[in-house]
Amino acid sequence: MPTGVHLRDARQQLFDAAERILLRSGPNGLTSRAVTDEAGCAKGVLHRHFADFDAFLAELVLDRAAELEEQARVLRASAGEGSVVDNLTGALTALFGPVPVAIIPLITFRDALRARLREATPGGGIAVLGQATEAVGAYLAAERDLGRIAPGADVDALTLSLVGGGHLIFADRERRADAPPDGPEGPEAPDRAAVRRLVTAVTAAATVRGASRRG
């Protein structure tokens, strides 16, 4: 690999390369050599920007986790609008997109990466799942305040059931046999109906029937 390759934004190109590898090959395929080869640069480029490979992975995870904030904002803004089931179904589908789902096992199986994430931010050791949990919990609390979730509902328990169940639905999907190996979709998106069934079952007892909508 030529050593003189110039990267206009080296960090972002390395992150994007790592993302493509995760979607194509999973965590086992993610090595520093694979990342720099995918980015089309010398291996030394990565080490000029990051102390080591775990530091690179920590920055990658935090960068991609931060992108979930937009989905969290949309979910929070939907409180009082539409139906609780529709809002949560859409949010879980967005929060557990291909990249977040691919990142979770990377965090799970790399102790050094979890340690770096915990140092970087409180609760960071479960980045991505943490963002999803915070977003769903804040939404349910807002709906409870608006009277669309029962006053006595255990928001924490509902959140854990929704996030844990949603993750299992998405993580259990296999890549389509006819999908291109470097396609943008990664693992096959689960049937939205499966997510809706989960949300309906989990929230059935807590949802206030006949609650009014804003607007």
N, C-alpha and C. Protein backbone atom coordinates (compact mmCIF):
# COMPACT_ATOMS: atom_id res chain seq x y z
N MET A 1 0.85 -1.19 0.00
CA MET A 1 0.00 0.00 0.00
C MET A 1 0.88 1.24 0.00
N PRO A 2 0.65 2.16 -0.92
CA PRO A 2 1.50 3.36 -0.96
C PRO A 2 1.41 4.16 0.33
N THR A 3 2.53 4.72 0.72
CA THR A 3 2.56 5.49 1.97
C THR A 3 2.19 6.94 1.76
N GLY A 4 2.11 7.38 0.52
CA GLY A 4 1.86 8.80 0.27
C GLY A 4 0.41 9.14 0.02
N VAL A 5 -0.51 8.20 0.28
CA VAL A 5 -1.92 8.46 0.04
C VAL A 5 -2.41 9.58 0.94
N HIS A 6 -3.03 10.58 0.35
CA HIS A 6 -3.55 11.70 1.12
C HIS A 6 -5.03 11.52 1.36
N LEU A 7 -5.45 11.60 2.60
CA LEU A 7 -6.86 11.50 2.93
C LEU A 7 -7.37 12.87 3.34
N ARG A 8 -8.40 13.34 2.64
CA ARG A 8 -8.94 14.67 2.93
C ARG A 8 -9.44 14.73 4.38
N ASP A 9 -10.09 13.69 4.82
CA ASP A 9 -10.55 13.60 6.20
C ASP A 9 -10.24 12.19 6.66
N ALA A 10 -9.04 11.97 7.14
CA ALA A 10 -8.55 10.62 7.42
C ALA A 10 -9.42 9.92 8.45
N ARG A 11 -9.77 10.61 9.53
CA ARG A 11 -10.56 9.96 10.58
C ARG A 11 -11.89 9.46 10.03
N GLN A 12 -12.59 10.30 9.30
CA GLN A 12 -13.90 9.91 8.80
C GLN A 12 -13.78 8.79 7.79
N GLN A 13 -12.76 8.83 6.94
CA GLN A 13 -12.59 7.77 5.95
C GLN A 13 -12.24 6.45 6.62
N LEU A 14 -11.46 6.50 7.68
CA LEU A 14 -11.15 5.28 8.43
C LEU A 14 -12.40 4.74 9.12
N PHE A 15 -13.21 5.63 9.69
CA PHE A 15 -14.46 5.20 10.32
C PHE A 15 -15.38 4.54 9.29
N ASP A 16 -15.51 5.19 8.13
CA ASP A 16 -16.39 4.64 7.09
C ASP A 16 -15.89 3.28 6.61
N ALA A 17 -14.58 3.13 6.50
CA ALA A 17 -14.01 1.85 6.10
C ALA A 17 -14.30 0.78 7.13
N ALA A 18 -14.15 1.12 8.41
CA ALA A 18 -14.44 0.16 9.47
C ALA A 18 -15.91 -0.24 9.46
N GLU A 19 -16.78 0.71 9.20
CA GLU A 19 -18.22 0.42 9.13
C GLU A 19 -18.52 -0.57 8.02
N ARG A 20 -17.91 -0.38 6.86
CA ARG A 20 -18.15 -1.31 5.74
C ARG A 20 -17.67 -2.71 6.09
N ILE A 21 -16.54 -2.81 6.78
CA ILE A 21 -16.03 -4.12 7.17
C ILE A 21 -16.96 -4.79 8.16
N LEU A 22 -17.44 -4.01 9.14
CA LEU A 22 -18.38 -4.56 10.12
C LEU A 22 -19.63 -5.13 9.45
N LEU A 23 -20.17 -4.39 8.50
CA LEU A 23 -21.38 -4.83 7.83
C LEU A 23 -21.13 -6.04 6.93
N ARG A 24 -19.94 -6.11 6.38
CA ARG A 24 -19.61 -7.18 5.45
C ARG A 24 -19.12 -8.44 6.16
N SER A 25 -18.26 -8.27 7.16
CA SER A 25 -17.56 -9.41 7.75
C SER A 25 -17.78 -9.59 9.25
N GLY A 26 -18.42 -8.62 9.89
CA GLY A 26 -18.63 -8.72 11.32
C GLY A 26 -17.40 -8.32 12.12
N PRO A 27 -17.50 -8.37 13.46
CA PRO A 27 -16.38 -7.93 14.32
C PRO A 27 -15.10 -8.71 14.09
N ASN A 28 -15.20 -9.99 13.75
CA ASN A 28 -13.99 -10.79 13.57
C ASN A 28 -13.14 -10.31 12.39
N GLY A 29 -13.78 -9.65 11.44
CA GLY A 29 -13.03 -9.17 10.28
C GLY A 29 -12.42 -7.80 10.47
N LEU A 30 -12.66 -7.19 11.63
CA LEU A 30 -12.23 -5.81 11.84
C LEU A 30 -10.84 -5.79 12.49
N THR A 31 -9.83 -5.57 11.69
CA THR A 31 -8.45 -5.42 12.16
C THR A 31 -7.90 -4.10 11.63
N SER A 32 -6.81 -3.65 12.21
CA SER A 32 -6.23 -2.39 11.76
C SER A 32 -5.80 -2.50 10.30
N ARG A 33 -5.23 -3.64 9.91
CA ARG A 33 -4.81 -3.82 8.53
C ARG A 33 -6.02 -3.83 7.59
N ALA A 34 -7.10 -4.48 8.00
CA ALA A 34 -8.29 -4.52 7.15
C ALA A 34 -8.86 -3.11 6.97
N VAL A 35 -8.83 -2.31 8.03
CA VAL A 35 -9.38 -0.95 7.96
C VAL A 35 -8.56 -0.09 7.02
N THR A 36 -7.24 -0.10 7.16
CA THR A 36 -6.42 0.75 6.30
C THR A 36 -6.44 0.26 4.85
N ASP A 37 -6.51 -1.06 4.65
CA ASP A 37 -6.64 -1.56 3.28
C ASP A 37 -7.95 -1.10 2.66
N GLU A 38 -9.02 -1.18 3.46
CA GLU A 38 -10.34 -0.77 2.96
C GLU A 38 -10.36 0.72 2.64
N ALA A 39 -9.66 1.51 3.47
CA ALA A 39 -9.62 2.96 3.26
C ALA A 39 -8.65 3.35 2.16
N GLY A 40 -7.79 2.41 1.75
CA GLY A 40 -6.83 2.71 0.70
C GLY A 40 -5.67 3.57 1.16
N CYS A 41 -5.20 3.31 2.38
CA CYS A 41 -4.08 4.11 2.90
C CYS A 41 -3.09 3.21 3.62
N ALA A 42 -1.95 3.76 3.94
CA ALA A 42 -0.93 3.01 4.67
C ALA A 42 -1.38 2.77 6.11
N LYS A 43 -0.91 1.68 6.70
CA LYS A 43 -1.30 1.35 8.07
C LYS A 43 -0.91 2.45 9.05
N GLY A 44 0.19 3.13 8.77
CA GLY A 44 0.65 4.18 9.67
C GLY A 44 -0.30 5.34 9.80
N VAL A 45 -1.20 5.52 8.80
CA VAL A 45 -2.15 6.62 8.87
C VAL A 45 -3.05 6.48 10.09
N LEU A 46 -3.48 5.27 10.36
CA LEU A 46 -4.36 5.05 11.51
C LEU A 46 -3.64 5.42 12.81
N HIS A 47 -2.38 5.03 12.91
CA HIS A 47 -1.65 5.26 14.15
C HIS A 47 -1.18 6.71 14.29
N ARG A 48 -1.24 7.48 13.22
CA ARG A 48 -0.96 8.91 13.35
C ARG A 48 -2.14 9.65 13.98
N HIS A 49 -3.32 9.08 13.88
CA HIS A 49 -4.53 9.73 14.39
C HIS A 49 -5.04 9.13 15.69
N PHE A 50 -4.62 7.90 16.00
CA PHE A 50 -5.12 7.21 17.20
C PHE A 50 -3.97 6.52 17.90
N ALA A 51 -4.02 6.48 19.23
CA ALA A 51 -2.92 5.90 20.00
C ALA A 51 -2.73 4.43 19.69
N ASP A 52 -3.82 3.70 19.52
CA ASP A 52 -3.76 2.29 19.17
C ASP A 52 -5.11 1.88 18.58
N PHE A 53 -5.26 0.61 18.25
CA PHE A 53 -6.47 0.18 17.56
C PHE A 53 -7.70 0.26 18.46
N ASP A 54 -7.54 -0.02 19.75
CA ASP A 54 -8.68 0.10 20.66
C ASP A 54 -9.13 1.56 20.80
N ALA A 55 -8.18 2.49 20.77
CA ALA A 55 -8.54 3.90 20.79
C ALA A 55 -9.34 4.26 19.53
N PHE A 56 -8.92 3.73 18.41
CA PHE A 56 -9.66 3.94 17.16
C PHE A 56 -11.08 3.39 17.26
N LEU A 57 -11.21 2.16 17.77
CA LEU A 57 -12.53 1.55 17.88
C LEU A 57 -13.44 2.33 18.84
N ALA A 58 -12.86 2.82 19.94
CA ALA A 58 -13.65 3.60 20.88
C ALA A 58 -14.19 4.86 20.22
N GLU A 59 -13.35 5.55 19.44
CA GLU A 59 -13.80 6.76 18.75
C GLU A 59 -14.85 6.42 17.69
N LEU A 60 -14.67 5.28 17.03
CA LEU A 60 -15.66 4.84 16.04
C LEU A 60 -17.02 4.62 16.70
N VAL A 61 -17.03 3.90 17.81
CA VAL A 61 -18.29 3.60 18.50
C VAL A 61 -18.95 4.88 18.98
N LEU A 62 -18.18 5.77 19.59
CA LEU A 62 -18.75 7.01 20.10
C LEU A 62 -19.29 7.88 18.97
N ASP A 63 -18.60 7.88 17.83
CA ASP A 63 -19.05 8.65 16.68
C ASP A 63 -20.38 8.11 16.16
N ARG A 64 -20.49 6.79 16.01
CA ARG A 64 -21.72 6.20 15.50
C ARG A 64 -22.84 6.27 16.54
N ALA A 65 -22.50 6.15 17.81
CA ALA A 65 -23.52 6.26 18.86
C ALA A 65 -24.11 7.66 18.88
N ALA A 66 -23.28 8.67 18.65
CA ALA A 66 -23.76 10.05 18.65
C ALA A 66 -24.79 10.27 17.54
N GLU A 67 -24.66 9.52 16.45
CA GLU A 67 -25.60 9.67 15.35
C GLU A 67 -27.01 9.21 15.74
N LEU A 68 -27.11 8.38 16.78
CA LEU A 68 -28.41 7.92 17.22
C LEU A 68 -29.22 9.03 17.90
N GLU A 69 -28.55 10.11 18.27
CA GLU A 69 -29.24 11.20 18.94
C GLU A 69 -30.36 11.79 18.08
N GLU A 70 -30.18 11.77 16.77
CA GLU A 70 -31.24 12.30 15.90
C GLU A 70 -32.49 11.42 15.99
N GLN A 71 -32.30 10.09 15.99
CA GLN A 71 -33.45 9.21 16.15
C GLN A 71 -34.10 9.42 17.52
N ALA A 72 -33.26 9.63 18.54
CA ALA A 72 -33.78 9.87 19.89
C ALA A 72 -34.59 11.17 19.93
N ARG A 73 -34.11 12.20 19.24
CA ARG A 73 -34.81 13.48 19.21
C ARG A 73 -36.17 13.33 18.54
N VAL A 74 -36.21 12.61 17.42
CA VAL A 74 -37.47 12.39 16.71
C VAL A 74 -38.46 11.65 17.61
N LEU A 75 -37.97 10.65 18.33
CA LEU A 75 -38.86 9.88 19.21
C LEU A 75 -39.40 10.77 20.32
N ARG A 76 -38.54 11.55 20.95
CA ARG A 76 -39.00 12.43 22.03
C ARG A 76 -40.05 13.42 21.52
N ALA A 77 -39.83 13.94 20.31
CA ALA A 77 -40.75 14.93 19.74
C ALA A 77 -42.09 14.33 19.40
N SER A 78 -42.16 13.01 19.24
CA SER A 78 -43.41 12.36 18.85
C SER A 78 -44.34 12.11 20.03
N ALA A 79 -43.89 12.37 21.26
CA ALA A 79 -44.74 12.15 22.43
C ALA A 79 -46.03 12.95 22.30
N GLY A 80 -47.16 12.30 22.48
CA GLY A 80 -48.45 12.95 22.35
C GLY A 80 -49.01 12.93 20.95
N GLU A 81 -48.21 12.52 19.98
CA GLU A 81 -48.65 12.49 18.58
C GLU A 81 -48.80 11.05 18.12
N GLY A 82 -49.69 10.80 17.14
CA GLY A 82 -49.84 9.47 16.59
C GLY A 82 -50.21 8.46 17.67
N SER A 83 -49.74 7.22 17.51
CA SER A 83 -50.00 6.20 18.52
C SER A 83 -48.68 5.79 19.17
N VAL A 84 -48.75 5.37 20.43
CA VAL A 84 -47.56 4.93 21.13
C VAL A 84 -46.92 3.75 20.42
N VAL A 85 -47.74 2.81 19.96
CA VAL A 85 -47.21 1.63 19.26
C VAL A 85 -46.50 2.02 17.98
N ASP A 86 -47.11 2.91 17.19
CA ASP A 86 -46.47 3.35 15.94
C ASP A 86 -45.15 4.06 16.23
N ASN A 87 -45.15 4.94 17.21
CA ASN A 87 -43.95 5.71 17.52
C ASN A 87 -42.80 4.80 17.95
N LEU A 88 -43.09 3.85 18.82
CA LEU A 88 -42.04 2.95 19.32
C LEU A 88 -41.59 1.97 18.24
N THR A 89 -42.51 1.54 17.41
CA THR A 89 -42.13 0.63 16.32
C THR A 89 -41.15 1.32 15.38
N GLY A 90 -41.46 2.55 14.99
CA GLY A 90 -40.56 3.29 14.11
C GLY A 90 -39.23 3.58 14.77
N ALA A 91 -39.25 3.91 16.06
CA ALA A 91 -38.02 4.25 16.76
C ALA A 91 -37.10 3.04 16.91
N LEU A 92 -37.64 1.90 17.30
CA LEU A 92 -36.81 0.71 17.46
C LEU A 92 -36.21 0.28 16.12
N THR A 93 -36.99 0.40 15.05
CA THR A 93 -36.48 0.06 13.73
C THR A 93 -35.31 0.96 13.34
N ALA A 94 -35.41 2.26 13.68
CA ALA A 94 -34.34 3.20 13.35
C ALA A 94 -33.14 3.03 14.27
N LEU A 95 -33.39 2.88 15.57
CA LEU A 95 -32.29 2.79 16.53
C LEU A 95 -31.47 1.52 16.34
N PHE A 96 -32.11 0.44 15.91
CA PHE A 96 -31.39 -0.81 15.69
C PHE A 96 -31.17 -1.05 14.20
N GLY A 97 -30.65 -0.03 13.53
CA GLY A 97 -30.27 -0.18 12.13
C GLY A 97 -29.05 -1.08 11.99
N PRO A 98 -28.62 -1.36 10.77
CA PRO A 98 -27.52 -2.30 10.55
C PRO A 98 -26.23 -1.95 11.28
N VAL A 99 -25.85 -0.67 11.28
CA VAL A 99 -24.57 -0.30 11.90
C VAL A 99 -24.61 -0.46 13.42
N PRO A 100 -25.62 0.09 14.13
CA PRO A 100 -25.67 -0.15 15.57
C PRO A 100 -25.68 -1.62 15.94
N VAL A 101 -26.45 -2.43 15.20
CA VAL A 101 -26.52 -3.86 15.50
C VAL A 101 -25.16 -4.53 15.29
N ALA A 102 -24.40 -4.07 14.31
CA ALA A 102 -23.07 -4.64 14.07
C ALA A 102 -22.07 -4.20 15.14
N ILE A 103 -22.28 -3.02 15.70
CA ILE A 103 -21.34 -2.49 16.70
C ILE A 103 -21.51 -3.17 18.05
N ILE A 104 -22.72 -3.55 18.41
CA ILE A 104 -22.97 -4.12 19.74
C ILE A 104 -22.11 -5.34 20.03
N PRO A 105 -22.01 -6.34 19.14
CA PRO A 105 -21.13 -7.47 19.45
C PRO A 105 -19.65 -7.09 19.50
N LEU A 106 -19.27 -6.07 18.75
CA LEU A 106 -17.89 -5.59 18.82
C LEU A 106 -17.59 -5.12 20.24
N ILE A 107 -18.51 -4.38 20.84
CA ILE A 107 -18.33 -3.91 22.22
C ILE A 107 -18.33 -5.08 23.19
N THR A 108 -19.23 -6.02 22.96
CA THR A 108 -19.41 -7.14 23.88
C THR A 108 -18.15 -7.99 24.01
N PHE A 109 -17.46 -8.20 22.90
CA PHE A 109 -16.36 -9.15 22.91
C PHE A 109 -14.97 -8.52 23.03
N ARG A 110 -14.91 -7.21 23.21
CA ARG A 110 -13.60 -6.57 23.38
C ARG A 110 -13.55 -5.85 24.72
N ASP A 111 -12.94 -6.50 25.71
CA ASP A 111 -12.88 -5.92 27.06
C ASP A 111 -12.19 -4.56 27.06
N ALA A 112 -11.09 -4.45 26.31
CA ALA A 112 -10.34 -3.20 26.29
C ALA A 112 -11.18 -2.07 25.70
N LEU A 113 -12.01 -2.40 24.73
CA LEU A 113 -12.88 -1.39 24.12
C LEU A 113 -13.92 -0.92 25.13
N ARG A 114 -14.54 -1.83 25.86
CA ARG A 114 -15.51 -1.42 26.88
C ARG A 114 -14.87 -0.53 27.93
N ALA A 115 -13.64 -0.87 28.32
CA ALA A 115 -12.93 -0.05 29.31
C ALA A 115 -12.70 1.36 28.78
N ARG A 116 -12.33 1.48 27.51
CA ARG A 116 -12.12 2.81 26.91
C ARG A 116 -13.41 3.60 26.87
N LEU A 117 -14.50 2.92 26.54
CA LEU A 117 -15.78 3.60 26.45
C LEU A 117 -16.25 4.08 27.82
N ARG A 118 -16.02 3.28 28.84
CA ARG A 118 -16.39 3.70 30.20
C ARG A 118 -15.59 4.91 30.64
N GLU A 119 -14.33 4.97 30.23
CA GLU A 119 -13.50 6.13 30.55
C GLU A 119 -13.99 7.38 29.82
N ALA A 120 -14.49 7.19 28.61
CA ALA A 120 -14.85 8.33 27.77
C ALA A 120 -16.14 9.00 28.21
N THR A 121 -17.10 8.21 28.69
CA THR A 121 -18.39 8.78 29.04
C THR A 121 -19.09 7.88 30.04
N PRO A 122 -19.83 8.45 30.99
CA PRO A 122 -20.56 7.63 31.97
C PRO A 122 -21.51 6.67 31.27
N GLY A 123 -21.45 5.40 31.63
CA GLY A 123 -22.30 4.41 31.00
C GLY A 123 -21.87 4.05 29.60
N GLY A 124 -20.72 4.54 29.17
CA GLY A 124 -20.28 4.32 27.79
C GLY A 124 -19.94 2.89 27.47
N GLY A 125 -19.76 2.06 28.49
CA GLY A 125 -19.42 0.66 28.24
C GLY A 125 -20.49 -0.08 27.49
N ILE A 126 -21.71 0.44 27.52
CA ILE A 126 -22.78 -0.18 26.73
C ILE A 126 -23.30 0.82 25.70
N ALA A 127 -22.39 1.53 25.08
CA ALA A 127 -22.76 2.49 24.03
C ALA A 127 -23.64 1.81 23.00
N VAL A 128 -24.50 2.53 22.38
CA VAL A 128 -25.52 2.11 21.42
C VAL A 128 -26.73 1.56 22.18
N LEU A 129 -26.56 0.48 22.93
CA LEU A 129 -27.67 0.00 23.76
C LEU A 129 -28.04 1.07 24.79
N GLY A 130 -27.03 1.75 25.31
CA GLY A 130 -27.29 2.83 26.27
C GLY A 130 -28.09 3.95 25.64
N GLN A 131 -27.72 4.34 24.43
CA GLN A 131 -28.45 5.41 23.74
C GLN A 131 -29.90 4.99 23.47
N ALA A 132 -30.08 3.75 23.03
CA ALA A 132 -31.43 3.27 22.75
C ALA A 132 -32.27 3.23 24.02
N THR A 133 -31.67 2.78 25.12
CA THR A 133 -32.39 2.70 26.39
C THR A 133 -32.79 4.09 26.88
N GLU A 134 -31.87 5.03 26.78
CA GLU A 134 -32.17 6.40 27.22
C GLU A 134 -33.28 7.01 26.38
N ALA A 135 -33.24 6.79 25.06
CA ALA A 135 -34.24 7.38 24.17
C ALA A 135 -35.63 6.82 24.44
N VAL A 136 -35.73 5.50 24.55
CA VAL A 136 -37.03 4.87 24.78
C VAL A 136 -37.57 5.24 26.16
N GLY A 137 -36.69 5.24 27.17
CA GLY A 137 -37.12 5.59 28.51
C GLY A 137 -37.64 7.02 28.60
N ALA A 138 -36.95 7.95 27.96
CA ALA A 138 -37.38 9.35 27.99
C ALA A 138 -38.73 9.51 27.29
N TYR A 139 -38.91 8.79 26.18
CA TYR A 139 -40.18 8.87 25.46
C TYR A 139 -41.33 8.33 26.30
N LEU A 140 -41.13 7.16 26.90
CA LEU A 140 -42.20 6.57 27.72
C LEU A 140 -42.54 7.46 28.91
N ALA A 141 -41.53 8.06 29.52
CA ALA A 141 -41.78 8.97 30.65
C ALA A 141 -42.59 10.18 30.19
N ALA A 142 -42.28 10.69 28.99
CA ALA A 142 -43.04 11.83 28.46
C ALA A 142 -44.48 11.44 28.19
N GLU A 143 -44.69 10.25 27.64
CA GLU A 143 -46.06 9.80 27.37
C GLU A 143 -46.82 9.56 28.68
N ARG A 144 -46.14 9.12 29.71
CA ARG A 144 -46.78 8.95 31.01
C ARG A 144 -47.21 10.31 31.57
N ASP A 145 -46.35 11.30 31.41
CA ASP A 145 -46.69 12.65 31.86
C ASP A 145 -47.90 13.21 31.11
N LEU A 146 -48.03 12.79 29.83
CA LEU A 146 -49.14 13.28 29.01
C LEU A 146 -50.41 12.46 29.20
N GLY A 147 -50.34 11.40 30.00
CA GLY A 147 -51.52 10.59 30.28
C GLY A 147 -51.79 9.49 29.28
N ARG A 148 -50.86 9.25 28.35
CA ARG A 148 -51.08 8.19 27.36
C ARG A 148 -50.46 6.86 27.82
N ILE A 149 -49.61 6.90 28.82
CA ILE A 149 -49.12 5.72 29.51
C ILE A 149 -49.62 5.83 30.95
N ALA A 150 -50.10 4.72 31.50
CA ALA A 150 -50.72 4.72 32.83
C ALA A 150 -49.78 5.32 33.87
N PRO A 151 -50.32 6.10 34.81
CA PRO A 151 -49.49 6.76 35.82
C PRO A 151 -48.62 5.80 36.63
N GLY A 152 -49.12 4.59 36.88
CA GLY A 152 -48.35 3.65 37.68
C GLY A 152 -47.44 2.74 36.88
N ALA A 153 -47.33 2.97 35.58
CA ALA A 153 -46.52 2.09 34.73
C ALA A 153 -45.05 2.16 35.13
N ASP A 154 -44.39 1.01 35.11
CA ASP A 154 -42.96 0.94 35.41
C ASP A 154 -42.18 1.21 34.12
N VAL A 155 -41.82 2.46 33.92
CA VAL A 155 -41.16 2.87 32.68
C VAL A 155 -39.83 2.15 32.49
N ASP A 156 -39.08 1.96 33.57
CA ASP A 156 -37.79 1.29 33.46
C ASP A 156 -37.96 -0.14 32.96
N ALA A 157 -38.94 -0.87 33.51
CA ALA A 157 -39.16 -2.25 33.10
C ALA A 157 -39.64 -2.31 31.65
N LEU A 158 -40.54 -1.41 31.27
CA LEU A 158 -41.01 -1.36 29.88
C LEU A 158 -39.85 -1.09 28.93
N THR A 159 -39.00 -0.16 29.31
CA THR A 159 -37.86 0.20 28.46
C THR A 159 -36.93 -0.99 28.25
N LEU A 160 -36.59 -1.67 29.32
CA LEU A 160 -35.69 -2.83 29.20
C LEU A 160 -36.31 -3.92 28.33
N SER A 161 -37.62 -4.13 28.46
CA SER A 161 -38.27 -5.15 27.65
C SER A 161 -38.26 -4.77 26.17
N LEU A 162 -38.53 -3.50 25.88
CA LEU A 162 -38.56 -3.06 24.49
C LEU A 162 -37.18 -3.06 23.86
N VAL A 163 -36.19 -2.52 24.56
CA VAL A 163 -34.85 -2.45 24.00
C VAL A 163 -34.24 -3.85 23.88
N GLY A 164 -34.38 -4.65 24.93
CA GLY A 164 -33.84 -6.01 24.88
C GLY A 164 -34.51 -6.85 23.82
N GLY A 165 -35.84 -6.79 23.76
CA GLY A 165 -36.55 -7.56 22.74
C GLY A 165 -36.27 -7.06 21.34
N GLY A 166 -36.22 -5.74 21.18
CA GLY A 166 -35.92 -5.19 19.86
C GLY A 166 -34.55 -5.60 19.37
N HIS A 167 -33.57 -5.55 20.27
CA HIS A 167 -32.22 -5.95 19.88
C HIS A 167 -32.19 -7.40 19.45
N LEU A 168 -32.89 -8.28 20.19
CA LEU A 168 -32.90 -9.70 19.83
C LEU A 168 -33.52 -9.93 18.46
N ILE A 169 -34.58 -9.20 18.15
CA ILE A 169 -35.21 -9.36 16.84
C ILE A 169 -34.24 -9.01 15.73
N PHE A 170 -33.56 -7.88 15.89
CA PHE A 170 -32.65 -7.42 14.83
C PHE A 170 -31.38 -8.26 14.78
N ALA A 171 -30.83 -8.60 15.93
CA ALA A 171 -29.56 -9.32 15.96
C ALA A 171 -29.70 -10.73 15.43
N ASP A 172 -30.90 -11.31 15.46
CA ASP A 172 -31.10 -12.69 15.06
C ASP A 172 -31.30 -12.84 13.56
N ARG A 173 -31.38 -11.72 12.84
CA ARG A 173 -31.60 -11.80 11.41
C ARG A 173 -30.32 -12.15 10.67
N GLU A 174 -30.45 -13.00 9.67
CA GLU A 174 -29.31 -13.38 8.83
C GLU A 174 -29.27 -12.47 7.62
N ARG A 175 -28.05 -12.28 7.09
CA ARG A 175 -27.91 -11.54 5.83
C ARG A 175 -28.62 -12.30 4.73
N ARG A 176 -29.33 -11.58 3.86
CA ARG A 176 -29.97 -12.23 2.73
C ARG A 176 -28.92 -12.90 1.86
N ALA A 177 -29.26 -14.10 1.37
CA ALA A 177 -28.30 -14.86 0.57
C ALA A 177 -27.93 -14.13 -0.71
N ASP A 178 -28.86 -13.33 -1.25
CA ASP A 178 -28.59 -12.64 -2.50
C ASP A 178 -28.10 -11.22 -2.31
N ALA A 179 -27.85 -10.81 -1.06
CA ALA A 179 -27.39 -9.45 -0.82
C ALA A 179 -25.92 -9.32 -1.22
N PRO A 180 -25.52 -8.22 -1.84
CA PRO A 180 -24.12 -8.03 -2.19
C PRO A 180 -23.28 -7.97 -0.93
N PRO A 181 -22.06 -8.55 -0.93
CA PRO A 181 -21.26 -8.62 0.28
C PRO A 181 -20.92 -7.27 0.88
N ASP A 182 -20.87 -6.24 0.06
CA ASP A 182 -20.55 -4.92 0.58
C ASP A 182 -21.74 -3.98 0.47
N GLY A 183 -22.93 -4.55 0.47
CA GLY A 183 -24.14 -3.73 0.35
C GLY A 183 -24.35 -2.87 1.59
N PRO A 184 -25.10 -1.78 1.46
CA PRO A 184 -25.28 -0.85 2.56
C PRO A 184 -26.21 -1.37 3.64
N GLU A 185 -26.98 -2.43 3.36
CA GLU A 185 -28.00 -2.84 4.30
C GLU A 185 -27.44 -3.68 5.44
N GLY A 186 -26.31 -4.37 5.23
CA GLY A 186 -25.79 -5.25 6.26
C GLY A 186 -26.80 -6.37 6.48
N PRO A 187 -27.00 -6.80 7.76
CA PRO A 187 -27.98 -7.84 8.03
C PRO A 187 -29.37 -7.41 7.56
N GLU A 188 -30.17 -8.37 7.15
CA GLU A 188 -31.50 -8.07 6.63
C GLU A 188 -32.33 -7.34 7.67
N ALA A 189 -32.99 -6.28 7.25
CA ALA A 189 -33.87 -5.55 8.16
C ALA A 189 -35.02 -6.45 8.57
N PRO A 190 -35.29 -6.57 9.86
CA PRO A 190 -36.36 -7.46 10.29
C PRO A 190 -37.71 -6.94 9.84
N ASP A 191 -38.67 -7.84 9.75
CA ASP A 191 -40.02 -7.46 9.38
C ASP A 191 -40.55 -6.48 10.42
N ARG A 192 -41.03 -5.35 9.93
CA ARG A 192 -41.56 -4.34 10.84
C ARG A 192 -42.71 -4.90 11.69
N ALA A 193 -43.42 -5.88 11.11
CA ALA A 193 -44.54 -6.48 11.85
C ALA A 193 -44.06 -7.19 13.11
N ALA A 194 -42.86 -7.77 13.07
CA ALA A 194 -42.33 -8.45 14.26
C ALA A 194 -42.05 -7.44 15.37
N VAL A 195 -41.53 -6.28 14.99
CA VAL A 195 -41.28 -5.23 15.97
C VAL A 195 -42.60 -4.72 16.54
N ARG A 196 -43.58 -4.54 15.67
CA ARG A 196 -44.89 -4.05 16.11
C ARG A 196 -45.53 -5.04 17.11
N ARG A 197 -45.41 -6.34 16.83
CA ARG A 197 -45.98 -7.32 17.76
C ARG A 197 -45.31 -7.23 19.12
N LEU A 198 -43.99 -7.05 19.13
CA LEU A 198 -43.27 -6.89 20.39
C LEU A 198 -43.77 -5.67 21.15
N VAL A 199 -43.82 -4.52 20.47
CA VAL A 199 -44.23 -3.28 21.11
C VAL A 199 -45.66 -3.40 21.64
N THR A 200 -46.55 -3.97 20.83
CA THR A 200 -47.94 -4.11 21.24
C THR A 200 -48.06 -4.96 22.50
N ALA A 201 -47.33 -6.07 22.54
CA ALA A 201 -47.40 -6.97 23.69
C ALA A 201 -46.83 -6.32 24.95
N VAL A 202 -45.71 -5.63 24.80
CA VAL A 202 -45.04 -5.06 25.97
C VAL A 202 -45.83 -3.89 26.56
N THR A 203 -46.44 -3.09 25.69
CA THR A 203 -47.10 -1.87 26.17
C THR A 203 -48.60 -2.03 26.39
N ALA A 204 -49.15 -3.20 26.08
CA ALA A 204 -50.61 -3.37 26.11
C ALA A 204 -51.23 -2.96 27.45
N ALA A 205 -50.65 -3.44 28.53
CA ALA A 205 -51.23 -3.16 29.85
C ALA A 205 -51.00 -1.73 30.31
N ALA A 206 -49.98 -1.08 29.75
CA ALA A 206 -49.62 0.27 30.23
C ALA A 206 -50.23 1.37 29.41
N THR A 207 -50.67 1.08 28.20
CA THR A 207 -51.21 2.12 27.32
C THR A 207 -52.64 2.47 27.74
N VAL A 208 -52.91 3.75 27.89
CA VAL A 208 -54.23 4.23 28.26
C VAL A 208 -55.11 4.26 27.02
N ARG A 209 -56.18 3.50 27.04
CA ARG A 209 -57.06 3.45 25.88
C ARG A 209 -57.83 4.75 25.72
N GLY A 210 -57.98 5.16 24.47
CA GLY A 210 -58.76 6.35 24.18
C GLY A 210 -58.04 7.65 24.51
N ALA A 211 -56.69 7.56 24.76
CA ALA A 211 -55.96 8.80 25.07
C ALA A 211 -56.01 9.73 23.87
N SER A 212 -56.19 11.01 24.11
CA SER A 212 -56.30 11.98 23.02
C SER A 212 -54.93 12.26 22.43
N ARG A 213 -54.93 12.71 21.16
CA ARG A 213 -53.71 13.09 20.47
C ARG A 213 -53.65 14.60 20.40
N ARG A 214 -52.42 15.11 20.33
CA ARG A 214 -52.26 16.55 20.10
C ARG A 214 -52.44 16.83 18.62
N GLY A 215 -52.83 18.02 18.32
CA GLY A 215 -52.83 18.46 16.93
C GLY A 215 -53.99 17.93 16.13
